[in-house]
């Protein structure tokens, strides 16, 4: 590999990263100016590519009253690749596993650069209200959701009280 190629490649990488930086900074300003309902987010320390977010459990769900902590990691080629979004708070949910991974189409194959972190947080919040048992990350919980809804809601409420409240 020629030195010129390496230099051009690293220039390209830093140009991509600076584009990601500008986009992330703009989203942060937009979030601060007009935060989504019952969500907040911002960088952890000085690292613009690593954020912490909170999502309040939706009042019309078994997660009501809970405060859920979420980490967001932006890739260097954001917004052309989706952010990695994970729950830190344990959640009993068919689309969220014990590692905090979230099964949500817009975080995978349905990602679009037109989406923003604000829209992602609203989608995750909406997933708490309306799980998608047809595309589960935890099949046992999806089965309970489909076949024993009351028991599912009791478990989700119990986990919320144990892990997401004071």
Protein backbone atom coordinates (compact mmCIF):
# COMPACT_ATOMS: atom_id res chain seq x y z
CA UNK A 1 0.00 0.00 0.00
CA UNK A 2 1.32 3.39 -0.89
CA UNK A 3 1.70 6.11 1.70
CA UNK A 4 -0.58 8.31 -0.45
CA UNK A 5 -3.35 5.72 -0.32
CA UNK A 6 -3.07 5.41 3.47
CA UNK A 7 -3.06 9.20 3.85
CA UNK A 8 -6.12 9.56 1.58
CA UNK A 9 -7.91 6.76 3.39
CA UNK A 10 -7.30 8.34 6.81
CA UNK A 11 -8.41 11.73 5.43
CA UNK A 12 -11.58 10.03 4.19
CA UNK A 13 -12.14 8.43 7.59
CA UNK A 14 -11.69 11.70 9.46
CA UNK A 15 -13.95 13.48 6.95
CA UNK A 16 -16.63 10.85 7.64
CA UNK A 17 -16.14 11.17 11.39
CA UNK A 18 -16.36 14.96 11.24
CA UNK A 19 -19.58 14.63 9.22
CA UNK A 20 -20.90 12.29 11.93
CA UNK A 21 -19.79 14.81 14.59
CA UNK A 22 -21.68 17.64 12.90
CA UNK A 23 -24.81 15.51 12.58
CA UNK A 24 -24.63 14.32 16.21
CA UNK A 25 -24.07 17.90 17.45
CA UNK A 26 -27.10 19.09 15.47
CA UNK A 27 -29.25 16.29 16.89
CA UNK A 28 -28.07 17.16 20.41
CA UNK A 29 -29.07 20.82 19.86
CA UNK A 30 -32.46 19.76 18.48
CA UNK A 31 -33.00 17.42 21.45
CA UNK A 32 -32.17 20.17 23.93
CA UNK A 33 -34.43 22.65 22.15
CA UNK A 34 -37.36 20.27 21.61
CA UNK A 35 -37.01 17.08 23.69
CA UNK A 36 -39.28 14.13 22.85
CA UNK A 37 -42.03 13.39 25.36
CA UNK A 38 -40.80 11.44 28.40
CA UNK A 39 -37.27 10.94 27.03
CA UNK A 40 -33.92 12.64 27.52
CA UNK A 41 -30.46 11.99 26.10
CA UNK A 42 -27.00 13.44 25.85
CA UNK A 43 -23.30 12.61 25.67
CA UNK A 44 -21.48 10.77 28.44
CA UNK A 45 -18.71 13.17 29.42
CA UNK A 46 -16.87 14.58 26.40
CA UNK A 47 -17.51 11.60 24.09
CA UNK A 48 -19.97 12.78 21.45
CA UNK A 49 -20.27 9.21 20.09
CA UNK A 50 -21.43 7.68 23.41
CA UNK A 51 -24.69 8.88 24.92
CA UNK A 52 -26.86 7.99 27.88
CA UNK A 53 -30.62 8.29 27.54
CA UNK A 54 -33.59 7.87 29.85
CA UNK A 55 -37.03 6.72 28.84
CA UNK A 56 -39.95 7.06 31.23
CA UNK A 57 -42.19 4.00 31.22
CA UNK A 58 -45.32 4.88 29.23
CA UNK A 59 -48.35 5.43 31.48
CA UNK A 60 -50.51 3.09 29.39
CA UNK A 61 -48.13 0.15 29.84
CA UNK A 62 -46.95 -2.22 32.59
CA UNK A 63 -43.73 -0.13 32.58
CA UNK A 64 -45.52 2.95 33.97
CA UNK A 65 -43.57 4.70 36.72
CA UNK A 66 -40.26 3.17 35.65
CA UNK A 67 -37.19 5.08 34.54
CA UNK A 68 -35.22 3.10 31.98
CA UNK A 69 -31.59 3.86 31.22
CA UNK A 70 -30.36 3.31 27.68
CA UNK A 71 -26.91 3.62 26.10
CA UNK A 72 -26.44 4.91 22.58
CA UNK A 73 -23.23 4.34 20.59
CA UNK A 74 -22.92 6.15 17.28
CA UNK A 75 -20.80 4.50 14.56
CA UNK A 76 -18.17 6.67 12.82
CA UNK A 77 -20.28 6.55 9.63
CA UNK A 78 -23.46 7.80 11.34
CA UNK A 79 -26.09 8.63 10.02
CA UNK A 80 -25.47 6.14 7.20
CA UNK A 81 -25.36 3.31 9.75
CA UNK A 82 -27.74 3.07 12.72
CA UNK A 83 -26.68 3.79 16.29
CA UNK A 84 -26.32 0.87 18.70
CA UNK A 85 -29.01 1.29 21.34
CA UNK A 86 -29.13 -0.92 24.45
CA UNK A 87 -31.13 -0.94 27.65
CA UNK A 88 -29.00 -0.81 30.80
CA UNK A 89 -32.10 -1.28 32.96
CA UNK A 90 -33.48 -4.83 33.00
CA UNK A 91 -36.79 -5.03 31.13
CA UNK A 92 -39.27 -7.90 30.86
CA UNK A 93 -40.22 -7.58 27.19
CA UNK A 94 -40.41 -9.86 24.14
CA UNK A 95 -38.24 -7.53 22.04
CA UNK A 96 -35.54 -6.75 24.65
CA UNK A 97 -33.18 -9.48 25.88
CA UNK A 98 -31.23 -9.87 29.11
CA UNK A 99 -28.21 -8.07 27.56
CA UNK A 100 -30.39 -5.04 26.82
CA UNK A 101 -30.37 -5.64 23.05
CA UNK A 102 -33.46 -4.30 21.31
CA UNK A 103 -35.17 -5.96 18.36
CA UNK A 104 -36.51 -2.97 16.45
CA UNK A 105 -36.50 -2.77 12.65
CA UNK A 106 -35.31 0.86 12.48
CA UNK A 107 -32.17 -0.12 14.42
CA UNK A 108 -31.42 -2.79 11.83
CA UNK A 109 -32.57 -3.17 8.21
CA UNK A 110 -35.13 -0.33 8.24
CA UNK A 111 -32.63 2.33 9.34
CA UNK A 112 -32.61 5.51 7.29
CA UNK A 113 -30.29 8.53 7.58
CA UNK A 114 -33.48 10.61 7.79
CA UNK A 115 -34.13 9.14 11.26
CA UNK A 116 -32.86 10.93 14.35
CA UNK A 117 -32.11 9.88 17.92
CA UNK A 118 -35.28 11.68 18.97
CA UNK A 119 -37.31 9.45 16.62
CA UNK A 120 -35.39 6.36 17.77
CA UNK A 121 -36.17 7.11 21.44
CA UNK A 122 -39.85 7.64 20.62
CA UNK A 123 -39.88 4.31 18.73
CA UNK A 124 -38.28 2.49 21.66
CA UNK A 125 -40.81 4.09 24.02
CA UNK A 126 -43.61 3.04 21.69
CA UNK A 127 -42.22 -0.52 21.68
CA UNK A 128 -42.76 -0.60 25.46
CA UNK A 129 -46.45 0.17 24.91
CA UNK A 130 -46.85 -2.07 21.85
CA UNK A 131 -44.49 -5.06 21.80
CA UNK A 132 -44.00 -6.92 18.53
CA UNK A 133 -44.42 -10.60 19.50
CA UNK A 134 -44.10 -11.64 15.83
CA UNK A 135 -40.41 -10.65 15.80
CA UNK A 136 -39.30 -11.57 19.33
CA UNK A 137 -35.82 -11.48 20.79
CA UNK A 138 -37.13 -13.55 23.73
CA UNK A 139 -39.59 -16.17 22.37
CA UNK A 140 -40.75 -17.31 25.84
CA UNK A 141 -41.86 -13.78 26.74
CA UNK A 142 -43.55 -13.40 23.33
CA UNK A 143 -45.42 -16.66 23.97
CA UNK A 144 -46.57 -15.37 27.36
CA UNK A 145 -47.57 -12.03 25.81
CA UNK A 146 -49.67 -13.81 23.16
CA UNK A 147 -51.22 -16.49 25.36
CA UNK A 148 -51.23 -15.22 28.95
CA UNK A 149 -51.41 -11.42 28.67
CA UNK A 150 -52.34 -10.81 32.31
CA UNK A 151 -49.38 -12.88 33.54
CA UNK A 152 -47.08 -11.08 31.10
CA UNK A 153 -48.26 -7.68 32.40
CA UNK A 154 -47.79 -8.80 36.02
CA UNK A 155 -44.21 -9.92 35.29
CA UNK A 156 -43.42 -6.73 33.36
CA UNK A 157 -44.83 -4.62 36.22
CA UNK A 158 -42.89 -6.65 38.80
CA UNK A 159 -39.60 -6.24 36.89
CA UNK A 160 -40.30 -2.52 36.46
CA UNK A 161 -40.81 -2.13 40.21
CA UNK A 162 -37.68 -4.15 40.97
CA UNK A 163 -35.29 -2.69 38.36
CA UNK A 164 -36.64 0.68 37.16
CA UNK A 165 -38.06 2.37 40.25
CA UNK A 166 -36.01 4.15 42.90
